[in-house]
Structure formats: C-alpha cells, structure tokens
Amino acid sequence: MALIRLQKVLADAGVASRRASEQLILEGRVSVDGVQILELGTKIDPEISKVEVDGEAIRSNKSKVYLAFHKPAGVLSTMSDPDNRPSLGDYFKERNERLFHVGRLDRESEGLILLTNDGDLAHRATHPSYGMVKKYLVEIEGVLTKEQFTELGKGIQLEDGLARALEIKTVREINPKHSWVEISIHEGRYHIVRRIFEHYEIPVLRLVRTDFGPIALAETGVGRYRNLNEVEMTKLFKVLKINQ
C-alpha cells in the first residue's frame, strides 16, 4: 500500500488527534520498528511497520466510529478531569474505542459535540481552512436592535479580531427583556458567541449548539449520543473533502 505520514497513522489508530500526534513525535515518544522518530515528514507502511508510543505498540484501527453527543451544561469538553469534575468521558465509559472530541463547548454551554476515533476527520473538522459552520440558539436578556443585527452581519471588532455572524435572527421574543436568537458562525475562537453578546453588554442565559457543519443535534436527548447515519457521514466527508 502507499506510504502514509506517521502522524496520520497515529491519529487513525485513535492514539490522539493529528496535531497531538505530531507533538508526540517531536517529543521523541514514537518509534517505528525500534527506531525513534523525531521528524514529522516520516512516512511508513502501517501494514508492515511496528509503531510504538512510549514503548507500547499501537494497533491499526479498522473500525471507525462517528458519534453525535448532546453535552449537558456543567460538563467539561474533555475526556477526563484530574479534579473529577463531570466531563465527556463520563458518558462513554462503556465504549472500547479511544475517542476524542471534535471541537469544544465551554463548561456552561450545551448542545452538539462530535466524537470519533478517526484522527484525520477530527483534524479537518477543527481546522479553520475548512470553515465548518456552527449554529447556536442563544437565550438572552433583552433583544437585539436592527442596527446590531446589521453590525453583526458585517462584523464587530473584539479584542482578538473581527467576529461576524454568517446568519443571525430572532426566533422567539418572549418580552422586551427576554428573547432567543439563532446565530451561525464559522469560527471556533474561545467563548466567541458569548463574547459577541458581551460586546453589547447583553447577558447570555443559555447557549445551545444545534448544528456542527452538516450535522444537526436533532432529537438527541441531553446526555445521550447516537451514531451518525450514512447520509450525515456522506455530507460530512464531502464538506471535509475526505474520500470515502
């Protein structure tokens, strides 16, 4: 078979994301056929080469899984936590695969997170060049004005650069002091949605991610997960330019 970059082999085996796998190589923790590898350009044939990480042989991951999870509020977007706070890993203890999450939601936010043991897909899905669109429902104190909607469509200046809504609309106005807004963005910067509303000094009461690219939260219950179906996988692979 064709030679494959070592970091992709590690990611495909579920060792870590491709970026984290690159760091493992640079730290000298990876060896191929007993030889320590320190260069990222190394290519191997995973069918015949023995790859070890920290002295432990990895096994090729033939079965890949793709899951949509409804993260509850109060849960960390990590697979474990040294302080034993609730984390994603608590919901996947019965799974045998080494899963890693695609992107993050802050602790108090809820909604859709993808989990997979496919390192290449995880890398692409979080890389800015693919521009995965994320959609959120945001419960706020107050309502946005027409001028604010216009500004957000053009982009507002935050401390770390321009933030722009691809789409934004009010989906429910309970009263002049309480409404729900739907906003779509393609960025994944830290607390970006919350900071957009902080720019206008509008408190966020609840934040739910409903869509990640072509994948929708749909009817997935809070704290539950499901396998992506074939239609969803086809759409996701197409957006990320992955050959099936």
Protein backbone atom coordinates (compact mmCIF):
# COMPACT_ATOMS: atom_id res chain seq x y z
CA MET A 1 0.00 0.00 0.00
CA ALA A 2 1.03 3.65 -0.32
CA LEU A 3 3.19 5.11 2.42
CA ILE A 4 1.34 7.24 4.99
CA ARG A 5 2.61 10.02 7.22
CA LEU A 6 3.33 8.75 10.70
CA GLN A 7 1.15 11.34 12.46
CA LYS A 8 -1.83 10.24 10.35
CA VAL A 9 -1.19 6.60 11.25
CA LEU A 10 -1.24 7.55 14.94
CA ALA A 11 -4.40 9.61 14.53
CA ASP A 12 -6.18 6.88 12.57
CA ALA A 13 -5.30 4.40 15.32
CA GLY A 14 -7.03 6.63 17.84
CA VAL A 15 -3.84 7.49 19.74
CA ALA A 16 -4.53 11.23 19.59
CA SER A 17 -5.60 13.94 17.17
CA ARG A 18 -3.20 14.53 14.29
CA ARG A 19 -1.88 17.73 15.86
CA ALA A 20 -1.30 15.98 19.20
CA SER A 21 0.31 13.06 17.37
CA GLU A 22 2.78 15.47 15.77
CA GLN A 23 3.72 16.65 19.25
CA LEU A 24 4.27 13.05 20.38
CA ILE A 25 6.74 12.60 17.51
CA LEU A 26 8.58 15.84 18.28
CA GLU A 27 8.89 14.76 21.92
CA GLY A 28 10.62 11.55 20.83
CA ARG A 29 7.88 9.28 22.18
CA VAL A 30 7.25 7.42 18.91
CA SER A 31 9.33 4.67 17.34
CA VAL A 32 8.97 2.64 14.15
CA ASP A 33 10.48 -0.85 14.04
CA GLY A 34 12.52 0.02 17.12
CA VAL A 35 13.90 3.30 15.74
CA GLN A 36 12.98 6.57 17.48
CA ILE A 37 11.35 9.03 15.07
CA LEU A 38 11.80 12.78 15.53
CA GLU A 39 10.81 14.17 12.11
CA LEU A 40 7.24 14.94 11.08
CA GLY A 41 7.78 14.09 7.42
CA THR A 42 8.33 10.38 8.09
CA LYS A 43 6.13 8.05 6.03
CA ILE A 44 5.54 4.37 6.74
CA ASP A 45 3.51 1.37 5.64
CA PRO A 46 1.30 0.68 8.69
CA GLU A 47 0.58 -2.85 7.45
CA ILE A 48 4.19 -3.99 7.89
CA SER A 49 5.77 -1.50 10.32
CA LYS A 50 5.59 -1.82 14.10
CA VAL A 51 4.72 1.54 15.63
CA GLU A 52 5.15 2.16 19.35
CA VAL A 53 4.23 5.11 21.54
CA ASP A 54 6.03 5.25 24.89
CA GLY A 55 7.14 1.69 24.26
CA GLU A 56 3.61 0.37 23.72
CA ALA A 57 2.65 -0.98 20.30
CA ILE A 58 -0.39 0.60 18.65
CA ARG A 59 -2.98 -1.36 16.77
CA SER A 60 -4.43 -0.25 13.48
CA ASN A 61 -7.97 0.99 13.94
CA LYS A 62 -10.07 -0.82 11.34
CA SER A 63 -13.42 0.17 12.83
CA LYS A 64 -14.09 3.90 12.94
CA VAL A 65 -16.97 5.43 14.85
CA TYR A 66 -18.65 8.80 14.49
CA LEU A 67 -20.95 9.94 17.28
CA ALA A 68 -23.18 12.94 17.90
CA PHE A 69 -23.48 13.78 21.61
CA HIS A 70 -25.74 16.25 23.39
CA LYS A 71 -23.44 17.74 26.02
CA PRO A 72 -25.28 18.92 29.13
CA ALA A 73 -24.44 22.23 30.77
CA GLY A 74 -21.85 21.87 33.53
CA VAL A 75 -19.84 19.19 31.70
CA LEU A 76 -16.25 19.84 30.62
CA SER A 77 -15.29 19.27 26.97
CA THR A 78 -12.52 16.86 27.94
CA MET A 79 -12.42 13.07 28.11
CA SER A 80 -11.25 13.18 31.75
CA ASP A 81 -10.61 15.70 34.51
CA PRO A 82 -7.94 15.47 37.24
CA ASP A 83 -10.31 17.18 39.70
CA ASN A 84 -13.10 14.65 38.98
CA ARG A 85 -15.43 17.28 37.61
CA PRO A 86 -18.07 16.00 35.15
CA SER A 87 -16.52 15.50 31.70
CA LEU A 88 -17.36 13.92 28.34
CA GLY A 89 -15.57 10.72 29.29
CA ASP A 90 -18.17 10.02 31.98
CA TYR A 91 -20.73 9.33 29.25
CA PHE A 92 -18.58 6.91 27.22
CA LYS A 93 -17.14 4.57 29.85
CA GLU A 94 -18.74 1.55 28.20
CA ARG A 95 -17.08 2.25 24.83
CA ASN A 96 -13.94 0.30 23.96
CA GLU A 97 -12.64 2.83 21.42
CA ARG A 98 -10.26 5.60 22.35
CA LEU A 99 -12.47 8.55 21.49
CA PHE A 100 -11.57 12.19 21.19
CA HIS A 101 -13.94 15.09 20.78
CA VAL A 102 -14.18 17.36 17.78
CA GLY A 103 -14.04 20.94 18.96
CA ARG A 104 -15.22 22.23 22.30
CA LEU A 105 -18.10 23.85 24.13
CA ASP A 106 -17.42 25.83 27.27
CA ARG A 107 -18.49 24.26 30.54
CA GLU A 108 -21.82 26.08 30.90
CA SER A 109 -22.82 25.74 27.25
CA GLU A 110 -24.68 22.71 25.96
CA GLY A 111 -25.52 21.01 22.72
CA LEU A 112 -23.85 19.15 19.89
CA ILE A 113 -20.33 17.74 20.10
CA LEU A 114 -18.96 15.12 17.72
CA LEU A 115 -16.76 12.31 19.00
CA THR A 116 -14.72 9.91 16.90
CA ASN A 117 -11.66 7.69 16.80
CA ASP A 118 -10.88 8.99 13.29
CA GLY A 119 -7.98 11.38 13.83
CA ASP A 120 -7.90 12.68 10.27
CA LEU A 121 -11.56 13.70 10.35
CA ALA A 122 -11.16 15.31 13.77
CA HIS A 123 -8.19 17.33 12.50
CA ARG A 124 -10.01 18.55 9.39
CA ALA A 125 -13.25 19.33 11.22
CA THR A 126 -11.48 21.70 13.62
CA HIS A 127 -9.07 23.26 11.11
CA PRO A 128 -10.01 26.86 10.14
CA SER A 129 -9.37 26.25 6.44
CA TYR A 130 -12.45 24.03 6.17
CA GLY A 131 -14.69 26.69 7.71
CA MET A 132 -17.16 24.38 9.42
CA VAL A 133 -20.28 26.40 10.22
CA LYS A 134 -21.65 26.14 13.76
CA LYS A 135 -25.20 27.15 14.63
CA TYR A 136 -26.32 28.15 18.12
CA LEU A 137 -29.54 29.01 19.93
CA VAL A 138 -28.88 31.72 22.49
CA GLU A 139 -31.25 32.82 25.25
CA ILE A 140 -30.51 36.43 26.18
CA GLU A 141 -31.74 39.18 28.45
CA GLY A 142 -33.18 41.80 26.15
CA VAL A 143 -33.45 41.89 22.36
CA LEU A 144 -31.06 42.83 19.58
CA THR A 145 -31.81 46.00 17.64
CA LYS A 146 -31.91 46.23 13.85
CA GLU A 147 -28.66 48.16 13.97
CA GLN A 148 -27.00 45.39 15.98
CA PHE A 149 -28.20 42.73 13.54
CA THR A 150 -26.69 44.76 10.70
CA GLU A 151 -23.41 45.23 12.57
CA LEU A 152 -23.09 41.54 13.34
CA GLY A 153 -23.63 40.67 9.70
CA LYS A 154 -20.76 42.96 8.74
CA GLY A 155 -18.57 42.02 11.70
CA ILE A 156 -17.72 43.58 15.04
CA GLN A 157 -14.27 44.14 16.49
CA LEU A 158 -13.39 42.05 19.54
CA GLU A 159 -10.09 42.07 21.42
CA ASP A 160 -8.74 39.22 19.28
CA GLY A 161 -10.07 40.33 15.91
CA LEU A 162 -13.20 40.59 13.83
CA ALA A 163 -16.23 38.42 14.67
CA ARG A 164 -19.00 38.08 12.11
CA ALA A 165 -22.31 36.26 12.07
CA LEU A 166 -22.98 34.36 8.85
CA GLU A 167 -26.67 34.37 9.77
CA ILE A 168 -28.49 35.78 12.77
CA LYS A 169 -32.17 36.14 13.59
CA THR A 170 -34.57 36.33 16.50
CA VAL A 171 -36.50 33.07 16.77
CA ARG A 172 -38.60 33.97 19.82
CA GLU A 173 -39.23 37.25 21.60
CA ILE A 174 -40.79 36.45 24.96
CA ASN A 175 -40.92 40.10 26.02
CA PRO A 176 -38.74 43.22 25.56
CA LYS A 177 -36.36 41.88 28.21
CA HIS A 178 -36.12 38.24 27.13
CA SER A 179 -35.58 36.58 23.74
CA TRP A 180 -33.98 33.68 21.86
CA VAL A 181 -31.56 34.32 18.99
CA GLU A 182 -30.19 31.90 16.40
CA ILE A 183 -26.66 32.66 15.21
CA SER A 184 -24.35 30.87 12.76
CA ILE A 185 -20.58 31.39 12.67
CA HIS A 186 -17.64 29.51 11.18
CA GLU A 187 -15.10 30.41 13.85
CA GLY A 188 -14.08 28.38 16.87
CA ARG A 189 -12.36 31.02 18.97
CA TYR A 190 -12.58 30.89 22.76
CA HIS A 191 -16.09 31.78 24.02
CA ILE A 192 -16.70 33.55 20.71
CA VAL A 193 -20.52 33.52 20.86
CA ARG A 194 -20.67 34.67 24.47
CA ARG A 195 -18.17 37.44 23.74
CA ILE A 196 -20.28 38.66 20.81
CA PHE A 197 -23.17 39.35 23.17
CA GLU A 198 -20.86 40.72 25.87
CA HIS A 199 -19.80 43.29 23.26
CA TYR A 200 -23.34 44.69 23.51
CA GLU A 201 -23.50 44.13 27.29
CA ILE A 202 -26.28 41.59 26.77
CA PRO A 203 -26.27 38.75 29.35
CA VAL A 204 -26.45 35.20 27.95
CA LEU A 205 -28.81 32.98 29.94
CA ARG A 206 -28.39 29.79 27.93
CA LEU A 207 -26.33 28.73 24.92
CA VAL A 208 -27.03 25.60 22.87
CA ARG A 209 -25.08 24.45 19.79
CA THR A 210 -27.61 22.88 17.44
CA ASP A 211 -25.51 22.25 14.33
CA PHE A 212 -21.88 21.44 13.53
CA GLY A 213 -21.41 21.68 9.78
CA PRO A 214 -23.96 19.37 8.13
CA ILE A 215 -24.68 17.52 11.40
CA ALA A 216 -27.69 18.58 13.47
CA LEU A 217 -28.43 17.88 17.12
CA ALA A 218 -31.96 16.93 16.06
CA GLU A 219 -33.82 14.87 18.68
CA THR A 220 -30.73 13.65 20.56
CA GLY A 221 -31.61 13.93 24.26
CA VAL A 222 -29.46 15.72 26.79
CA GLY A 223 -26.63 13.43 27.91
CA ARG A 224 -27.36 10.96 25.10
CA TYR A 225 -25.45 10.12 21.93
CA ARG A 226 -26.12 8.45 18.61
CA ASN A 227 -24.17 7.13 15.63
CA LEU A 228 -24.12 9.38 12.59
CA ASN A 229 -26.15 7.85 9.77
CA GLU A 230 -24.91 7.25 6.21
CA VAL A 231 -26.46 10.44 4.84
CA GLU A 232 -24.82 12.53 7.56
CA MET A 233 -21.46 10.84 7.00
CA THR A 234 -21.63 11.44 3.25
CA LYS A 235 -22.34 15.13 3.81
CA LEU A 236 -19.61 15.45 6.45
CA PHE A 237 -16.98 13.74 4.30
CA LYS A 238 -17.94 15.97 1.36
CA VAL A 239 -17.52 19.18 3.40
CA LEU A 240 -14.17 17.98 4.73
CA LYS A 241 -13.05 16.69 1.30
CA ILE A 242 -12.44 13.15 2.55
CA ASN A 243 -12.68 10.31 0.04
CA GLN A 244 -14.93 7.52 1.29
